[in-house]
Amino acid sequence: MSYIEQKYINILSGRLSQFKRKSDNLFNFRCPFCGDSDSNKLKARGYIYSRESKFSYKCHNCGITSSIGNLIKHVDNTLFKEYRTESFLDTRRIKPSEEKNKSQGITFTKRKYHFNTPLKALKKVSQLQYDHPVKKYIQKRMIPNEYHRKLYYAPYFAKFVNSIIPKKLNENHDEPRLIIPFFDEYENLIGFQGRAFNNNPIKYITIMIDNTKPKIFGLDEVDWTKKVYVVEGPIDSMFIDNSIAMAGSDGGAYINDKKQNIVLVYDNESKSSEIINKISKNIDDKFSVCIWPTFLKEKDINDMILSGMTKTEILQIINDNTFADLRAKIKLSEWRKI
């Protein structure tokens, strides 16, 4: 188990009512989310338990599941910031095996992108000066560094599009946009999405170079032999390992025959009739879906990252709240009432 998690469980124990250590890896206390019971102050149905070498939290009264980080954040946000910082520093430490590899001169081949594509006319985000507004925007969104070389800046978006597909867009009111490229499984550029920086009501514009390909981001990186997470936007997918993002309804046919390995993850918007209808149809089509827990207030994965959650915590929440068939219908019915 993580030393840091154990350390912060011990710190948190004094703030949890009826806290008891059942064993080295099992702790029991009153649930701080639901309060457990108003009538019986001795009821304690919240448990921290070990799962896949990490601690998780579950309440057997309200049914909530949570990472240790989210539990700490709910109880004490200041303590959570300390926990997050210490966890981040711990992951940055180089392991002995990694030092050994470096000393032996082992090198790893980086994947190559965009040589001989229209993207070569643009600058990568990784090539921009540290004080460039687009660089600051990317950093503010906390987009992982490994994606900075895969994202581009188009100072005149319509002009760039028209250089590929003549007369596609009106250049009279041109504007800068972030370019998010779409590659197929063979690393061929098949299209891209332009993300606005201002308050333009058309936040995303998707341009397809090869209309025979599905509008899906991440096909060049995904491993279909493992579980695949399908999210709503390319930026959200950058925080979930082995994920893709749908940029159009035509992608549904592409993933339909791969549904056994897929979890569909929509935005956390229970009041959106469009999302509710999509999830309902997906359940009928025998897909597994993520139904977000009620304690989450952030509307999408990037917002969760910006609120202080880690990639690991978000992935655990998704896995703990993935349902199919009748169970999924019940959870969807509960979620839409929030």
C-alpha atoms as a PDB file:
ATOM      1  CA  MET A   1       0.000   0.000   0.000  1.00  0.00           C
ATOM      2  CA  SER A   2       1.065   3.619  -0.579  1.00  0.00           C
ATOM      3  CA  TYR A   3       2.934   5.062   2.395  1.00  0.00           C
ATOM      4  CA  ILE A   4       1.471   8.489   1.626  1.00  0.00           C
ATOM      5  CA  GLU A   5      -2.106   7.161   1.617  1.00  0.00           C
ATOM      6  CA  GLN A   6      -1.521   5.402   4.957  1.00  0.00           C
ATOM      7  CA  LYS A   7      -0.005   8.574   6.386  1.00  0.00           C
ATOM      8  CA  TYR A   8      -3.009  10.698   5.436  1.00  0.00           C
ATOM      9  CA  ILE A   9      -5.529   8.091   6.584  1.00  0.00           C
ATOM     10  CA  ASN A  10      -3.887   8.312  10.012  1.00  0.00           C
ATOM     11  CA  ILE A  11      -4.066  12.118   9.945  1.00  0.00           C
ATOM     12  CA  LEU A  12      -7.710  12.004   8.821  1.00  0.00           C
ATOM     13  CA  SER A  13      -8.725   9.409  11.440  1.00  0.00           C
ATOM     14  CA  GLY A  14      -9.073  12.038  14.181  1.00  0.00           C
ATOM     15  CA  ARG A  15     -11.681  13.875  12.089  1.00  0.00           C
ATOM     16  CA  LEU A  16     -13.820  10.827  11.267  1.00  0.00           C
ATOM     17  CA  SER A  17     -16.538   9.884  13.749  1.00  0.00           C
ATOM     18  CA  GLN A  18     -16.451   6.307  15.130  1.00  0.00           C
ATOM     19  CA  PHE A  19     -13.136   5.612  13.379  1.00  0.00           C
ATOM     20  CA  LYS A  20     -11.837   2.080  13.947  1.00  0.00           C
ATOM     21  CA  ARG A  21      -8.946   0.136  12.430  1.00  0.00           C
ATOM     22  CA  LYS A  22     -10.354  -3.308  11.593  1.00  0.00           C
ATOM     23  CA  SER A  23      -7.069  -4.611  10.150  1.00  0.00           C
ATOM     24  CA  ASP A  24      -3.939  -3.245   8.488  1.00  0.00           C
ATOM     25  CA  ASN A  25      -5.870  -2.512   5.289  1.00  0.00           C
ATOM     26  CA  LEU A  26      -9.451  -2.025   6.526  1.00  0.00           C
ATOM     27  CA  PHE A  27     -10.869   0.989   8.391  1.00  0.00           C
ATOM     28  CA  ASN A  28     -14.446   1.716   9.481  1.00  0.00           C
ATOM     29  CA  PHE A  29     -16.169   5.009  10.431  1.00  0.00           C
ATOM     30  CA  ARG A  30     -19.317   7.068   9.926  1.00  0.00           C
ATOM     31  CA  CYS A  31     -19.704   8.243   6.342  1.00  0.00           C
ATOM     32  CA  PRO A  32     -18.782  11.959   6.051  1.00  0.00           C
ATOM     33  CA  PHE A  33     -20.761  12.228   2.789  1.00  0.00           C
ATOM     34  CA  CYS A  34     -24.219  11.081   3.952  1.00  0.00           C
ATOM     35  CA  GLY A  35     -23.791  11.245   7.743  1.00  0.00           C
ATOM     36  CA  ASP A  36     -24.706   7.543   7.962  1.00  0.00           C
ATOM     37  CA  SER A  37     -27.708   7.802  10.304  1.00  0.00           C
ATOM     38  CA  ASP A  38     -29.490  10.672  12.046  1.00  0.00           C
ATOM     39  CA  SER A  39     -31.275   8.400  14.500  1.00  0.00           C
ATOM     40  CA  ASN A  40     -28.371   6.142  15.476  1.00  0.00           C
ATOM     41  CA  LYS A  41     -25.092   7.945  16.138  1.00  0.00           C
ATOM     42  CA  LEU A  42     -23.263   4.626  16.522  1.00  0.00           C
ATOM     43  CA  LYS A  43     -23.980   3.521  12.959  1.00  0.00           C
ATOM     44  CA  ALA A  44     -20.739   3.378  10.978  1.00  0.00           C
ATOM     45  CA  ARG A  45     -21.008   2.049   7.442  1.00  0.00           C
ATOM     46  CA  GLY A  46     -18.125   3.815   5.725  1.00  0.00           C
ATOM     47  CA  TYR A  47     -15.070   1.708   4.891  1.00  0.00           C
ATOM     48  CA  ILE A  48     -11.566   2.331   3.596  1.00  0.00           C
ATOM     49  CA  TYR A  49     -10.250  -0.874   2.063  1.00  0.00           C
ATOM     50  CA  SER A  50      -7.364  -2.025  -0.115  1.00  0.00           C
ATOM     51  CA  ARG A  51      -7.902  -2.555  -3.822  1.00  0.00           C
ATOM     52  CA  GLU A  52      -5.198  -3.273  -6.407  1.00  0.00           C
ATOM     53  CA  SER A  53      -2.415  -1.957  -4.129  1.00  0.00           C
ATOM     54  CA  LYS A  54      -4.352   1.253  -3.405  1.00  0.00           C
ATOM     55  CA  PHE A  55      -6.877   2.336  -0.810  1.00  0.00           C
ATOM     56  CA  SER A  56     -10.475   3.119  -1.778  1.00  0.00           C
ATOM     57  CA  TYR A  57     -13.533   4.319   0.128  1.00  0.00           C
ATOM     58  CA  LYS A  58     -17.100   2.965   0.041  1.00  0.00           C
ATOM     59  CA  CYS A  59     -20.203   3.649   2.137  1.00  0.00           C
ATOM     60  CA  HIS A  60     -22.652   0.777   2.550  1.00  0.00           C
ATOM     61  CA  ASN A  61     -25.426   3.231   3.411  1.00  0.00           C
ATOM     62  CA  CYS A  62     -25.443   5.778   0.563  1.00  0.00           C
ATOM     63  CA  GLY A  63     -23.399   3.625  -1.834  1.00  0.00           C
ATOM     64  CA  ILE A  64     -20.818   6.283  -2.630  1.00  0.00           C
ATOM     65  CA  THR A  65     -17.373   5.149  -3.802  1.00  0.00           C
ATOM     66  CA  SER A  66     -14.366   7.430  -3.730  1.00  0.00           C
ATOM     67  CA  SER A  67     -10.612   7.583  -3.952  1.00  0.00           C
ATOM     68  CA  ILE A  68      -8.695   8.500  -0.810  1.00  0.00           C
ATOM     69  CA  GLY A  69      -7.924  11.867  -2.369  1.00  0.00           C
ATOM     70  CA  ASN A  70     -11.602  12.738  -2.804  1.00  0.00           C
ATOM     71  CA  LEU A  71     -12.395  11.561   0.721  1.00  0.00           C
ATOM     72  CA  ILE A  72      -9.681  13.827   2.122  1.00  0.00           C
ATOM     73  CA  LYS A  73     -10.869  16.717  -0.060  1.00  0.00           C
ATOM     74  CA  HIS A  74     -14.451  16.330   1.189  1.00  0.00           C
ATOM     75  CA  VAL A  75     -13.392  16.353   4.841  1.00  0.00           C
ATOM     76  CA  ASP A  76     -10.578  18.931   4.729  1.00  0.00           C
ATOM     77  CA  ASN A  77      -9.632  20.796   1.554  1.00  0.00           C
ATOM     78  CA  THR A  78      -6.439  22.222   3.088  1.00  0.00           C
ATOM     79  CA  LEU A  79      -5.263  18.749   4.041  1.00  0.00           C
ATOM     80  CA  PHE A  80      -6.141  17.580   0.522  1.00  0.00           C
ATOM     81  CA  LYS A  81      -3.811  20.179  -1.014  1.00  0.00           C
ATOM     82  CA  GLU A  82      -0.972  18.872   1.176  1.00  0.00           C
ATOM     83  CA  TYR A  83      -1.820  15.293   0.159  1.00  0.00           C
ATOM     84  CA  ARG A  84      -1.932  16.203  -3.540  1.00  0.00           C
ATOM     85  CA  THR A  85       1.439  17.972  -3.391  1.00  0.00           C
ATOM     86  CA  GLU A  86       3.119  15.107  -1.546  1.00  0.00           C
ATOM     87  CA  SER A  87       1.614  12.541  -3.931  1.00  0.00           C
ATOM     88  CA  PHE A  88       2.814  14.531  -6.940  1.00  0.00           C
ATOM     89  CA  LEU A  89       6.352  14.793  -5.569  1.00  0.00           C
ATOM     90  CA  ASP A  90       6.358  11.068  -4.843  1.00  0.00           C
ATOM     91  CA  THR A  91       5.447  10.196  -8.453  1.00  0.00           C
ATOM     92  CA  ARG A  92       8.275  12.426  -9.700  1.00  0.00           C
ATOM     93  CA  ARG A  93      10.945  10.428  -7.905  1.00  0.00           C
ATOM     94  CA  ILE A  94      13.037   8.224 -10.237  1.00  0.00           C
ATOM     95  CA  LYS A  95      12.897   4.548  -9.390  1.00  0.00           C
ATOM     96  CA  PRO A  96      16.156   2.526  -9.184  1.00  0.00           C
ATOM     97  CA  SER A  97      15.200   0.520 -12.282  1.00  0.00           C
ATOM     98  CA  GLU A  98      14.761   3.753 -14.234  1.00  0.00           C
ATOM     99  CA  GLU A  99      18.179   4.988 -13.068  1.00  0.00           C
ATOM    100  CA  LYS A 100      19.691   1.694 -14.163  1.00  0.00           C
ATOM    101  CA  ASN A 101      18.158   2.023 -17.612  1.00  0.00           C
ATOM    102  CA  LYS A 102      19.531   5.524 -17.957  1.00  0.00           C
ATOM    103  CA  SER A 103      23.016   4.470 -16.850  1.00  0.00           C
ATOM    104  CA  GLN A 104      22.992   1.661 -19.408  1.00  0.00           C
ATOM    105  CA  GLY A 105      22.154   4.133 -22.151  1.00  0.00           C
ATOM    106  CA  ILE A 106      18.807   2.590 -23.027  1.00  0.00           C
ATOM    107  CA  THR A 107      16.832   4.829 -25.378  1.00  0.00           C
ATOM    108  CA  PHE A 108      13.191   4.767 -26.309  1.00  0.00           C
ATOM    109  CA  THR A 109      11.878   5.534 -29.775  1.00  0.00           C
ATOM    110  CA  LYS A 110       9.457   8.428 -29.942  1.00  0.00           C
ATOM    111  CA  ARG A 111       6.595   8.259 -32.366  1.00  0.00           C
ATOM    112  CA  LYS A 112       6.791  10.587 -35.338  1.00  0.00           C
ATOM    113  CA  TYR A 113       3.933  12.792 -36.439  1.00  0.00           C
ATOM    114  CA  HIS A 114       2.972  15.249 -39.169  1.00  0.00           C
ATOM    115  CA  PHE A 115       6.089  15.176 -41.420  1.00  0.00           C
ATOM    116  CA  ASN A 116       4.704  15.874 -44.932  1.00  0.00           C
ATOM    117  CA  THR A 117       1.255  16.946 -43.719  1.00  0.00           C
ATOM    118  CA  PRO A 118      -0.376  20.402 -43.737  1.00  0.00           C
ATOM    119  CA  LEU A 119       0.532  20.654 -40.044  1.00  0.00           C
ATOM    120  CA  LYS A 120       4.147  21.429 -40.944  1.00  0.00           C
ATOM    121  CA  ALA A 121       2.993  24.968 -41.803  1.00  0.00           C
ATOM    122  CA  LEU A 122       2.072  25.533 -38.150  1.00  0.00           C
ATOM    123  CA  LYS A 123       3.964  25.736 -34.888  1.00  0.00           C
ATOM    124  CA  LYS A 124       3.518  23.048 -32.281  1.00  0.00           C
ATOM    125  CA  VAL A 125       2.490  24.241 -28.833  1.00  0.00           C
ATOM    126  CA  SER A 126       5.796  22.825 -27.576  1.00  0.00           C
ATOM    127  CA  GLN A 127       7.625  25.262 -29.901  1.00  0.00           C
ATOM    128  CA  LEU A 128       5.892  28.385 -28.581  1.00  0.00           C
ATOM    129  CA  GLN A 129       7.588  30.747 -26.135  1.00  0.00           C
ATOM    130  CA  TYR A 130       6.723  30.171 -22.481  1.00  0.00           C
ATOM    131  CA  ASP A 131       4.860  33.504 -22.298  1.00  0.00           C
ATOM    132  CA  HIS A 132       2.847  32.986 -25.510  1.00  0.00           C
ATOM    133  CA  PRO A 133      -0.923  33.312 -24.808  1.00  0.00           C
ATOM    134  CA  VAL A 134      -1.619  29.869 -26.321  1.00  0.00           C
ATOM    135  CA  LYS A 135       1.127  28.288 -24.224  1.00  0.00           C
ATOM    136  CA  LYS A 136      -0.395  29.898 -21.144  1.00  0.00           C
ATOM    137  CA  TYR A 137      -3.853  28.668 -22.150  1.00  0.00           C
ATOM    138  CA  ILE A 138      -2.607  25.073 -22.488  1.00  0.00           C
ATOM    139  CA  GLN A 139      -0.829  25.242 -19.149  1.00  0.00           C
ATOM    140  CA  LYS A 140      -3.878  26.770 -17.490  1.00  0.00           C
ATOM    141  CA  ARG A 141      -5.946  23.824 -18.697  1.00  0.00           C
ATOM    142  CA  MET A 142      -3.222  21.541 -17.243  1.00  0.00           C
ATOM    143  CA  ILE A 143      -2.947  19.578 -20.500  1.00  0.00           C
ATOM    144  CA  PRO A 144      -0.136  17.009 -20.015  1.00  0.00           C
ATOM    145  CA  ASN A 145       3.259  17.989 -21.437  1.00  0.00           C
ATOM    146  CA  GLU A 146       3.438  14.950 -23.711  1.00  0.00           C
ATOM    147  CA  TYR A 147       0.549  16.415 -25.754  1.00  0.00           C
ATOM    148  CA  HIS A 148       2.191  19.805 -26.327  1.00  0.00           C
ATOM    149  CA  ARG A 149       4.109  18.418 -29.308  1.00  0.00           C
ATOM    150  CA  LYS A 150       0.889  17.016 -30.779  1.00  0.00           C
ATOM    151  CA  LEU A 151      -1.119  20.250 -30.604  1.00  0.00           C
ATOM    152  CA  TYR A 152      -0.701  23.204 -32.972  1.00  0.00           C
ATOM    153  CA  TYR A 153      -1.421  26.895 -33.145  1.00  0.00           C
ATOM    154  CA  ALA A 154      -3.147  28.385 -36.192  1.00  0.00           C
ATOM    155  CA  PRO A 155      -3.089  32.210 -35.961  1.00  0.00           C
ATOM    156  CA  TYR A 156      -5.554  32.343 -38.888  1.00  0.00           C
ATOM    157  CA  PHE A 157      -7.724  29.264 -38.722  1.00  0.00           C
ATOM    158  CA  ALA A 158      -9.908  29.834 -41.809  1.00  0.00           C
ATOM    159  CA  LYS A 159      -6.849  30.656 -43.923  1.00  0.00           C
ATOM    160  CA  PHE A 160      -5.170  27.445 -42.766  1.00  0.00           C
ATOM    161  CA  VAL A 161      -8.277  25.355 -43.540  1.00  0.00           C
ATOM    162  CA  ASN A 162      -8.659  26.934 -46.986  1.00  0.00           C
ATOM    163  CA  SER A 163      -5.035  26.099 -47.804  1.00  0.00           C
ATOM    164  CA  ILE A 164      -6.079  22.446 -47.513  1.00  0.00           C
ATOM    165  CA  ILE A 165      -9.692  22.584 -48.724  1.00  0.00           C
ATOM    166  CA  PRO A 166     -10.135  25.690 -50.935  1.00  0.00           C
ATOM    167  CA  LYS A 167     -13.081  27.982 -50.087  1.00  0.00           C
ATOM    168  CA  LYS A 168     -14.122  25.815 -47.145  1.00  0.00           C
ATOM    169  CA  LEU A 169     -14.435  28.728 -44.681  1.00  0.00           C
ATOM    170  CA  ASN A 170     -15.062  32.481 -44.852  1.00  0.00           C
ATOM    171  CA  GLU A 171     -11.831  34.365 -44.109  1.00  0.00           C
ATOM    172  CA  ASN A 172     -13.506  37.759 -43.504  1.00  0.00           C
ATOM    173  CA  HIS A 173     -13.667  37.246 -39.751  1.00  0.00           C
ATOM    174  CA  ASP A 174     -10.709  34.943 -39.247  1.00  0.00           C
ATOM    175  CA  GLU A 175      -9.461  34.061 -35.776  1.00  0.00           C
ATOM    176  CA  PRO A 176      -6.752  32.016 -34.050  1.00  0.00           C
ATOM    177  CA  ARG A 177      -7.566  28.486 -32.912  1.00  0.00           C
ATOM    178  CA  LEU A 178      -5.883  25.548 -31.246  1.00  0.00           C
ATOM    179  CA  ILE A 179      -5.434  22.682 -33.712  1.00  0.00           C
ATOM    180  CA  ILE A 180      -6.103  19.176 -32.390  1.00  0.00           C
ATOM    181  CA  PRO A 181      -5.092  16.679 -35.112  1.00  0.00           C
ATOM    182  CA  PHE A 182      -6.918  13.407 -35.805  1.00  0.00           C
ATOM    183  CA  PHE A 183      -4.740  10.501 -36.995  1.00  0.00           C
ATOM    184  CA  ASP A 184      -5.889   7.044 -38.020  1.00  0.00           C
ATOM    185  CA  GLU A 185      -4.373   3.796 -36.724  1.00  0.00           C
ATOM    186  CA  TYR A 186      -1.588   4.097 -39.335  1.00  0.00           C
ATOM    187  CA  GLU A 187      -0.716   7.640 -38.172  1.00  0.00           C
ATOM    188  CA  ASN A 188      -2.161   9.259 -41.293  1.00  0.00           C
ATOM    189  CA  LEU A 189      -3.635  12.710 -40.740  1.00  0.00           C
ATOM    190  CA  ILE A 190      -7.374  12.345 -41.403  1.00  0.00           C
ATOM    191  CA  GLY A 191      -8.669  15.616 -39.972  1.00  0.00           C
ATOM    192  CA  PHE A 192      -8.420  18.068 -37.110  1.00  0.00           C
ATOM    193  CA  GLN A 193     -10.458  20.112 -34.714  1.00  0.00           C
ATOM    194  CA  GLY A 194     -10.062  23.857 -34.209  1.00  0.00           C
ATOM    195  CA  ARG A 195     -10.746  25.020 -30.658  1.00  0.00           C
ATOM    196  CA  ALA A 196     -11.611  28.708 -30.161  1.00  0.00           C
ATOM    197  CA  PHE A 197      -9.809  30.739 -27.489  1.00  0.00           C
ATOM    198  CA  ASN A 198     -12.442  33.456 -27.122  1.00  0.00           C
ATOM    199  CA  ASN A 199     -16.153  33.321 -26.322  1.00  0.00           C
ATOM    200  CA  ASN A 200     -17.097  32.261 -29.843  1.00  0.00           C
ATOM    201  CA  PRO A 201     -20.367  30.268 -29.584  1.00  0.00           C
ATOM    202  CA  ILE A 202     -18.850  27.839 -32.102  1.00  0.00           C
ATOM    203  CA  LYS A 203     -16.256  26.494 -29.690  1.00  0.00           C
ATOM    204  CA  TYR A 204     -15.133  23.603 -31.896  1.00  0.00           C
ATOM    205  CA  ILE A 205     -14.923  23.275 -35.681  1.00  0.00           C
ATOM    206  CA  THR A 206     -14.082  19.811 -37.017  1.00  0.00           C
ATOM    207  CA  ILE A 207     -12.492  19.545 -40.459  1.00  0.00           C
ATOM    208  CA  MET A 208     -12.112  16.125 -42.093  1.00  0.00           C
ATOM    209  CA  ILE A 209      -9.470  15.622 -44.778  1.00  0.00           C
ATOM    210  CA  ASP A 210     -10.478  11.995 -45.362  1.00  0.00           C
ATOM    211  CA  ASN A 211     -14.257  11.656 -45.140  1.00  0.00           C
ATOM    212  CA  THR A 212     -14.064   7.862 -45.307  1.00  0.00           C
ATOM    213  CA  LYS A 213     -12.606   7.839 -41.788  1.00  0.00           C
ATOM    214  CA  PRO A 214     -14.569   8.222 -38.520  1.00  0.00           C
ATOM    215  CA  LYS A 215     -14.414  11.510 -36.607  1.00  0.00           C
ATOM    216  CA  ILE A 216     -12.474  10.044 -33.702  1.00  0.00           C
ATOM    217  CA  PHE A 217      -9.468  11.452 -31.860  1.00  0.00           C
ATOM    218  CA  GLY A 218      -6.835   9.035 -30.567  1.00  0.00           C
ATOM    219  CA  LEU A 219      -6.991   6.145 -33.050  1.00  0.00           C
ATOM    220  CA  ASP A 220      -3.206   6.325 -33.462  1.00  0.00           C
ATOM    221  CA  GLU A 221      -2.601   5.658 -29.751  1.00  0.00           C
ATOM    222  CA  VAL A 222      -5.399   3.345 -28.622  1.00  0.00           C
ATOM    223  CA  ASP A 223      -4.791  -0.323 -27.755  1.00  0.00           C
ATOM    224  CA  TRP A 224      -7.926  -2.316 -28.578  1.00  0.00           C
ATOM    225  CA  THR A 225      -6.666  -5.379 -26.679  1.00  0.00           C
ATOM    226  CA  LYS A 226      -7.237  -3.439 -23.446  1.00  0.00           C
ATOM    227  CA  LYS A 227     -10.207  -1.587 -21.999  1.00  0.00           C
ATOM    228  CA  VAL A 228     -10.911   1.559 -24.027  1.00  0.00           C
ATOM    229  CA  TYR A 229     -12.614   4.659 -22.628  1.00  0.00           C
ATOM    230  CA  VAL A 230     -14.663   6.729 -25.080  1.00  0.00           C
ATOM    231  CA  VAL A 231     -15.109  10.330 -23.925  1.00  0.00           C
ATOM    232  CA  GLU A 232     -16.820  13.369 -25.419  1.00  0.00           C
ATOM    233  CA  GLY A 233     -13.869  15.655 -26.160  1.00  0.00           C
ATOM    234  CA  PRO A 234     -10.236  15.278 -27.249  1.00  0.00           C
ATOM    235  CA  ILE A 235      -8.941  17.387 -24.341  1.00  0.00           C
ATOM    236  CA  ASP A 236     -10.737  15.163 -21.813  1.00  0.00           C
ATOM    237  CA  SER A 237      -9.173  12.097 -23.427  1.00  0.00           C
ATOM    238  CA  MET A 238      -5.698  13.480 -22.704  1.00  0.00           C
ATOM    239  CA  PHE A 239      -6.218  12.748 -19.010  1.00  0.00           C
ATOM    240  CA  ILE A 240      -7.457   9.152 -19.383  1.00  0.00           C
ATOM    241  CA  ASP A 241      -5.021   6.474 -20.523  1.00  0.00           C
ATOM    242  CA  ASN A 242      -6.107   4.369 -23.521  1.00  0.00           C
ATOM    243  CA  SER A 243      -9.022   6.592 -24.416  1.00  0.00           C
ATOM    244  CA  ILE A 244     -10.482   8.057 -27.594  1.00  0.00           C
ATOM    245  CA  ALA A 245     -12.867  10.953 -28.201  1.00  0.00           C
ATOM    246  CA  MET A 246     -15.867  11.048 -30.502  1.00  0.00           C
ATOM    247  CA  ALA A 247     -16.175  14.186 -32.627  1.00  0.00           C
ATOM    248  CA  GLY A 248     -19.218  13.045 -34.589  1.00  0.00           C
ATOM    249  CA  SER A 249     -22.035  10.515 -34.611  1.00  0.00           C
ATOM    250  CA  ASP A 250     -20.425   8.555 -37.453  1.00  0.00           C
ATOM    251  CA  GLY A 251     -17.923   7.158 -34.955  1.00  0.00           C
ATOM    252  CA  GLY A 252     -20.682   5.015 -33.467  1.00  0.00           C
ATOM    253  CA  ALA A 253     -20.516   2.493 -36.285  1.00  0.00           C
ATOM    254  CA  TYR A 254     -16.750   2.220 -35.884  1.00  0.00           C
ATOM    255  CA  ILE A 255     -16.889   1.295 -32.187  1.00  0.00           C
ATOM    256  CA  ASN A 256     -20.042  -0.818 -32.367  1.00  0.00           C
ATOM    257  CA  ASP A 257     -18.223  -4.095 -33.016  1.00  0.00           C
ATOM    258  CA  LYS A 258     -15.696  -3.327 -30.261  1.00  0.00           C
ATOM    259  CA  LYS A 259     -18.234  -2.746 -27.484  1.00  0.00           C
ATOM    260  CA  GLN A 260     -16.977  -5.623 -25.302  1.00  0.00           C
ATOM    261  CA  ASN A 261     -13.813  -3.614 -24.541  1.00  0.00           C
ATOM    262  CA  ILE A 262     -15.427  -0.172 -24.371  1.00  0.00           C
ATOM    263  CA  VAL A 263     -16.694   2.086 -21.587  1.00  0.00           C
ATOM    264  CA  LEU A 264     -18.626   5.165 -22.740  1.00  0.00           C
ATOM    265  CA  VAL A 265     -17.921   8.220 -20.574  1.00  0.00           C
ATOM    266  CA  TYR A 266     -20.168  11.239 -21.119  1.00  0.00           C
ATOM    267  CA  ASP A 267     -19.940  14.646 -19.447  1.00  0.00           C
ATOM    268  CA  ASN A 268     -21.331  14.914 -15.929  1.00  0.00           C
ATOM    269  CA  GLU A 269     -24.510  16.742 -16.970  1.00  0.00           C
ATOM    270  CA  SER A 270     -27.510  14.905 -15.573  1.00  0.00           C
ATOM    271  CA  LYS A 271     -29.886  17.690 -16.676  1.00  0.00           C
ATOM    272  CA  SER A 272     -28.937  17.349 -20.337  1.00  0.00           C
ATOM    273  CA  SER A 273     -31.713  15.504 -22.162  1.00  0.00           C
ATOM    274  CA  GLU A 274     -29.312  14.915 -25.067  1.00  0.00           C
ATOM    275  CA  ILE A 275     -26.812  13.103 -22.839  1.00  0.00           C
ATOM    276  CA  ILE A 276     -29.550  11.166 -21.038  1.00  0.00           C
ATOM    277  CA  ASN A 277     -30.988   9.987 -24.364  1.00  0.00           C
ATOM    278  CA  LYS A 278     -27.556   8.981 -25.678  1.00  0.00           C
ATOM    279  CA  ILE A 279     -26.726   6.983 -22.554  1.00  0.00           C
ATOM    280  CA  SER A 280     -30.133   5.292 -22.623  1.00  0.00           C
ATOM    281  CA  LYS A 281     -29.603   4.245 -26.242  1.00  0.00           C
ATOM    282  CA  ASN A 282     -26.079   3.040 -25.467  1.00  0.00           C
ATOM    283  CA  ILE A 283     -27.414   0.839 -22.665  1.00  0.00           C
ATOM    284  CA  ASP A 284     -30.006  -0.642 -25.033  1.00  0.00           C
ATOM    285  CA  ASP A 285     -27.176  -1.263 -27.512  1.00  0.00           C
ATOM    286  CA  LYS A 286     -25.347  -3.290 -24.829  1.00  0.00           C
ATOM    287  CA  PHE A 287     -22.526  -0.831 -24.141  1.00  0.00           C
ATOM    288  CA  SER A 288     -21.022  -0.345 -20.696  1.00  0.00           C
ATOM    289  CA  VAL A 289     -21.451   3.252 -19.516  1.00  0.00           C
ATOM    290  CA  CYS A 290     -20.110   5.441 -16.738  1.00  0.00           C
ATOM    291  CA  ILE A 291     -22.801   7.018 -14.554  1.00  0.00           C
ATOM    292  CA  TRP A 292     -21.030   9.676 -12.504  1.00  0.00           C
ATOM    293  CA  PRO A 293     -21.565   9.605  -8.703  1.00  0.00           C
ATOM    294  CA  THR A 294     -23.690  12.334  -7.151  1.00  0.00           C
ATOM    295  CA  PHE A 295     -20.884  13.916  -5.117  1.00  0.00           C
ATOM    296  CA  LEU A 296     -19.083  15.074  -8.282  1.00  0.00           C
ATOM    297  CA  LYS A 297     -19.941  18.645  -9.243  1.00  0.00           C
ATOM    298  CA  GLU A 298     -17.500  19.166 -12.131  1.00  0.00           C
ATOM    299  CA  LYS A 299     -19.090  18.786 -15.571  1.00  0.00           C
ATOM    300  CA  ASP A 300     -16.200  17.144 -17.423  1.00  0.00           C
ATOM    301  CA  ILE A 301     -12.848  15.429 -16.903  1.00  0.00           C
ATOM    302  CA  ASN A 302     -10.759  18.559 -17.513  1.00  0.00           C
ATOM    303  CA  ASP A 303     -12.781  20.410 -14.876  1.00  0.00           C
ATOM    304  CA  MET A 304     -12.108  17.534 -12.461  1.00  0.00           C
ATOM    305  CA  ILE A 305      -8.371  17.876 -13.094  1.00  0.00           C
ATOM    306  CA  LEU A 306      -8.582  21.645 -12.561  1.00  0.00           C
ATOM    307  CA  SER A 307     -10.402  21.068  -9.256  1.00  0.00           C
ATOM    308  CA  GLY A 308      -7.410  19.126  -7.937  1.00  0.00           C
ATOM    309  CA  MET A 309      -8.231  15.524  -8.792  1.00  0.00           C
ATOM    310  CA  THR A 310      -5.556  13.261 -10.293  1.00  0.00           C
ATOM    311  CA  LYS A 311      -5.789  11.107 -13.415  1.00  0.00           C
ATOM    312  CA  THR A 312      -5.646   8.007 -11.208  1.00  0.00           C
ATOM    313  CA  GLU A 313      -8.507   9.205  -9.017  1.00  0.00           C
ATOM    314  CA  ILE A 314     -10.722  10.024 -11.997  1.00  0.00           C
ATOM    315  CA  LEU A 315     -10.035   6.667 -13.636  1.00  0.00           C
ATOM    316  CA  GLN A 316     -10.898   4.885 -10.403  1.00  0.00           C
ATOM    317  CA  ILE A 317     -14.193   6.766 -10.149  1.00  0.00           C
ATOM    318  CA  ILE A 318     -15.000   5.809 -13.751  1.00  0.00           C
ATOM    319  CA  ASN A 319     -14.195   2.140 -13.123  1.00  0.00           C
ATOM    320  CA  ASP A 320     -16.167   2.087  -9.864  1.00  0.00           C
ATOM    321  CA  ASN A 321     -19.192   3.627 -11.583  1.00  0.00           C
ATOM    322  CA  THR A 322     -19.307   1.660 -14.836  1.00  0.00           C
ATOM    323  CA  PHE A 323     -22.535  -0.261 -15.385  1.00  0.00           C
ATOM    324  CA  ALA A 324     -24.350  -2.243 -18.058  1.00  0.00           C
ATOM    325  CA  ASP A 325     -27.812  -3.681 -18.771  1.00  0.00           C
ATOM    326  CA  LEU A 326     -30.437  -3.417 -15.989  1.00  0.00           C
ATOM    327  CA  ARG A 327     -27.990  -2.067 -13.420  1.00  0.00           C
ATOM    328  CA  ALA A 328     -27.076   0.755 -15.804  1.00  0.00           C
ATOM    329  CA  LYS A 329     -30.745   1.626 -16.376  1.00  0.00           C
ATOM    330  CA  ILE A 330     -31.353   1.837 -12.627  1.00  0.00           C
ATOM    331  CA  LYS A 331     -28.300   4.059 -12.107  1.00  0.00           C
ATOM    332  CA  LEU A 332     -29.284   6.286 -15.040  1.00  0.00           C
ATOM    333  CA  SER A 333     -32.769   6.695 -13.576  1.00  0.00           C
ATOM    334  CA  GLU A 334     -31.255   7.770 -10.243  1.00  0.00           C
ATOM    335  CA  TRP A 335     -28.718  10.092 -11.875  1.00  0.00           C
ATOM    336  CA  ARG A 336     -31.233  11.991 -13.988  1.00  0.00           C
ATOM    337  CA  LYS A 337     -33.156  12.936 -10.806  1.00  0.00           C
ATOM    338  CA  ILE A 338     -30.213  14.851  -9.349  1.00  0.00           C
END
